[in-house]
Amino acid sequence: MKLLLHICCLPCLIYPLEQLKEKGFEVTGFFYNPNIHPFAEYKNRKQALEDSRVLTEVDVLYPEYNQEEFFQALNLKKDAPLRCSRCFWLRLKKTAQMAKEKGCSSFSTTLLVSPYQDQELLKQTGFDIAKGEGVDFYYEDFRPGFKKAHNLAKAQGIYCQRYCGCIYSEVEQCKKSLKH
């Protein structure tokens, strides 16, 4: 079974990829993240993924970085959870469309590994998009592997970011850091 896996970052790829391969999926990665800000952060995450190709043993598609797509999708809705909902929709919709184009029977996302993301919202968004695009959404709660995968990434010197990716989550993270 061919599956296109949206990848937000390398540390979040480790556990889902392991699980999907164990279940017999033929996985292709899709690094589509117009939400990531600034561009230097995007380049760091992309470079980490490119440098680890041997480690992950998965082909990855890299569409052009176009941050305008993210801001257009938000339509000035910068507060969570509406911002996150629109961001999930944008990235999963593009993943489903690419899955269909590449002949994959299903799609999923590494966002499902993060304890910081709204699991139910991701799940519902994936299933809603799947209906409209005619390709299956594969749902699995990958969160049990988050800590182990991120510890492994850190131990191997893999780049690990401090925030979700968008400018708004970066500002929120900075404000939290100032309070401590």
Foldseek 3Di string as FASTA:
>chain_A
DEEEEEELADLLCVQVLVVCVVVPYQYAYEDAQLQAPDVVRVVLRVVLCVVCCVVSVHHYDYDDRDNVLLVVQCVPVLDPPSSVLSRLLSRLLVRLQVCVVVVHQEYEYSVLQDPPDDNVSNVVSNCVSCVVSVHYYDDDNNNVCNVVSVVVCVVVVRDDDDFSGHPSRVVVSVVVVVVD
